[in-house]
């Protein structure tokens, strides 16, 4: 019998796999709920992961006509909630142990006040 060769994933490969899984889950929810536009936002200033996950979702949902929108942080620019209102739902992308819970809570209250649907929160390291 041949020896089995173990293959270890690198940290980047694991992170990419998690993001792709999250994007697939979001696209599936969009199909089920007939959403056409999904917004991505954060309570912090760091936006690079927003663009990454939004890109995956846009790519996977392209055949369904799914659009993505990056909404600037609401803690510094509360007026951006009007951009979020144009989306069918919004996903928060937060850095684990970096974002302040109080800021996220403020954003969620603002979303609720304006009747903006929030799908959930994606955390990353």
Protein backbone atom coordinates (compact mmCIF):
# COMPACT_ATOMS: atom_id res chain seq x y z
CA UNK A 1 0.00 0.00 0.00
CA UNK A 2 1.09 3.51 -0.77
CA UNK A 3 1.76 6.01 1.94
CA UNK A 4 -0.75 8.75 2.46
CA UNK A 5 0.70 12.17 2.08
CA UNK A 6 -0.68 14.72 4.48
CA UNK A 7 -1.37 18.14 3.10
CA UNK A 8 -1.45 21.05 5.49
CA UNK A 9 -3.24 24.22 4.57
CA UNK A 10 -1.46 27.47 5.14
CA UNK A 11 -3.03 30.20 7.25
CA UNK A 12 -3.87 32.18 4.10
CA UNK A 13 -5.53 29.16 2.47
CA UNK A 14 -7.63 28.57 5.58
CA UNK A 15 -8.68 32.23 5.72
CA UNK A 16 -9.56 32.24 2.03
CA UNK A 17 -11.63 29.06 2.46
CA UNK A 18 -13.57 30.61 5.34
CA UNK A 19 -14.30 33.76 3.36
CA UNK A 20 -15.42 31.75 0.34
CA UNK A 21 -17.73 29.67 2.56
CA UNK A 22 -19.22 32.83 4.08
CA UNK A 23 -19.71 34.29 0.60
CA UNK A 24 -21.44 31.11 -0.60
CA UNK A 25 -23.76 31.22 2.41
CA UNK A 26 -24.64 34.85 1.72
CA UNK A 27 -25.34 34.17 -1.96
CA UNK A 28 -27.53 31.19 -1.04
CA UNK A 29 -29.55 33.38 1.34
CA UNK A 30 -29.89 35.96 -1.43
CA UNK A 31 -31.27 33.32 -3.79
CA UNK A 32 -33.75 32.05 -1.21
CA UNK A 33 -34.95 35.57 -0.33
CA UNK A 34 -34.74 37.05 -3.87
CA UNK A 35 -32.35 39.79 -2.78
CA UNK A 36 -30.76 41.88 -5.52
CA UNK A 37 -28.34 44.06 -3.52
CA UNK A 38 -26.34 43.30 -0.40
CA UNK A 39 -24.46 45.95 1.55
CA UNK A 40 -21.25 45.40 3.50
CA UNK A 41 -20.16 47.68 6.31
CA UNK A 42 -18.07 47.79 9.45
CA UNK A 43 -18.01 49.70 12.72
CA UNK A 44 -14.25 50.25 12.42
CA UNK A 45 -12.13 52.09 9.88
CA UNK A 46 -10.41 49.07 8.31
CA UNK A 47 -12.17 48.34 5.00
CA UNK A 48 -9.93 45.93 3.10
CA UNK A 49 -11.81 42.79 4.24
CA UNK A 50 -15.06 44.47 3.18
CA UNK A 51 -13.84 44.67 -0.37
CA UNK A 52 -12.59 41.08 -0.27
CA UNK A 53 -15.85 39.50 0.92
CA UNK A 54 -17.93 41.80 -1.29
CA UNK A 55 -15.82 40.70 -4.26
CA UNK A 56 -16.41 37.01 -3.52
CA UNK A 57 -20.16 37.58 -3.14
CA UNK A 58 -20.30 39.63 -6.34
CA UNK A 59 -18.43 36.94 -8.26
CA UNK A 60 -20.59 34.09 -6.94
CA UNK A 61 -23.86 35.98 -7.37
CA UNK A 62 -23.10 37.39 -10.79
CA UNK A 63 -25.29 34.90 -12.65
CA UNK A 64 -28.22 35.81 -10.36
CA UNK A 65 -27.75 39.54 -10.93
CA UNK A 66 -26.70 40.08 -7.32
CA UNK A 67 -25.02 43.41 -6.65
CA UNK A 68 -22.86 44.40 -3.72
CA UNK A 69 -22.44 47.78 -2.09
CA UNK A 70 -19.80 48.87 0.39
CA UNK A 71 -21.31 51.23 2.95
CA UNK A 72 -18.74 53.36 4.76
CA UNK A 73 -18.54 52.98 8.51
CA UNK A 74 -21.64 54.24 10.29
CA UNK A 75 -19.91 55.22 13.53
CA UNK A 76 -18.10 58.10 11.85
CA UNK A 77 -20.63 58.85 9.11
CA UNK A 78 -24.15 58.09 10.41
CA UNK A 79 -25.62 59.56 7.22
CA UNK A 80 -24.46 56.45 5.39
CA UNK A 81 -27.45 54.62 6.82
CA UNK A 82 -29.36 56.04 3.84
CA UNK A 83 -27.01 54.11 1.54
CA UNK A 84 -27.72 50.99 3.59
CA UNK A 85 -31.47 51.54 3.15
CA UNK A 86 -31.04 50.97 -0.59
CA UNK A 87 -29.78 47.43 0.07
CA UNK A 88 -31.99 44.41 0.68
CA UNK A 89 -29.80 43.44 3.63
CA UNK A 90 -26.50 44.43 5.21
CA UNK A 91 -23.61 42.34 6.53
CA UNK A 92 -21.16 43.67 9.10
CA UNK A 93 -17.51 42.64 8.70
CA UNK A 94 -15.63 43.07 11.96
CA UNK A 95 -12.06 42.37 13.04
CA UNK A 96 -12.03 39.99 16.00
CA UNK A 97 -10.74 41.56 19.24
CA UNK A 98 -10.20 44.86 17.42
CA UNK A 99 -13.67 46.32 16.96
CA UNK A 100 -15.44 47.84 19.92
CA UNK A 101 -18.70 46.18 20.86
CA UNK A 102 -20.20 49.56 21.80
CA UNK A 103 -19.55 50.90 18.29
CA UNK A 104 -21.11 47.82 16.69
CA UNK A 105 -24.09 48.13 19.03
CA UNK A 106 -24.53 51.79 18.02
CA UNK A 107 -24.48 50.80 14.34
CA UNK A 108 -27.03 48.03 14.91
CA UNK A 109 -29.35 50.43 16.78
CA UNK A 110 -29.07 52.91 13.91
CA UNK A 111 -29.92 50.16 11.42
CA UNK A 112 -32.92 49.08 13.48
CA UNK A 113 -34.13 52.67 13.78
CA UNK A 114 -34.14 52.97 9.98
CA UNK A 115 -35.62 49.48 9.41
CA UNK A 116 -32.53 48.19 7.62
CA UNK A 117 -32.29 44.40 7.52
CA UNK A 118 -29.03 43.04 8.96
CA UNK A 119 -28.11 39.55 7.80
CA UNK A 120 -25.30 39.06 10.31
CA UNK A 121 -21.72 39.72 11.30
CA UNK A 122 -18.61 38.15 9.78
CA UNK A 123 -15.58 38.26 12.06
CA UNK A 124 -11.96 37.76 11.07
CA UNK A 125 -8.52 37.97 12.65
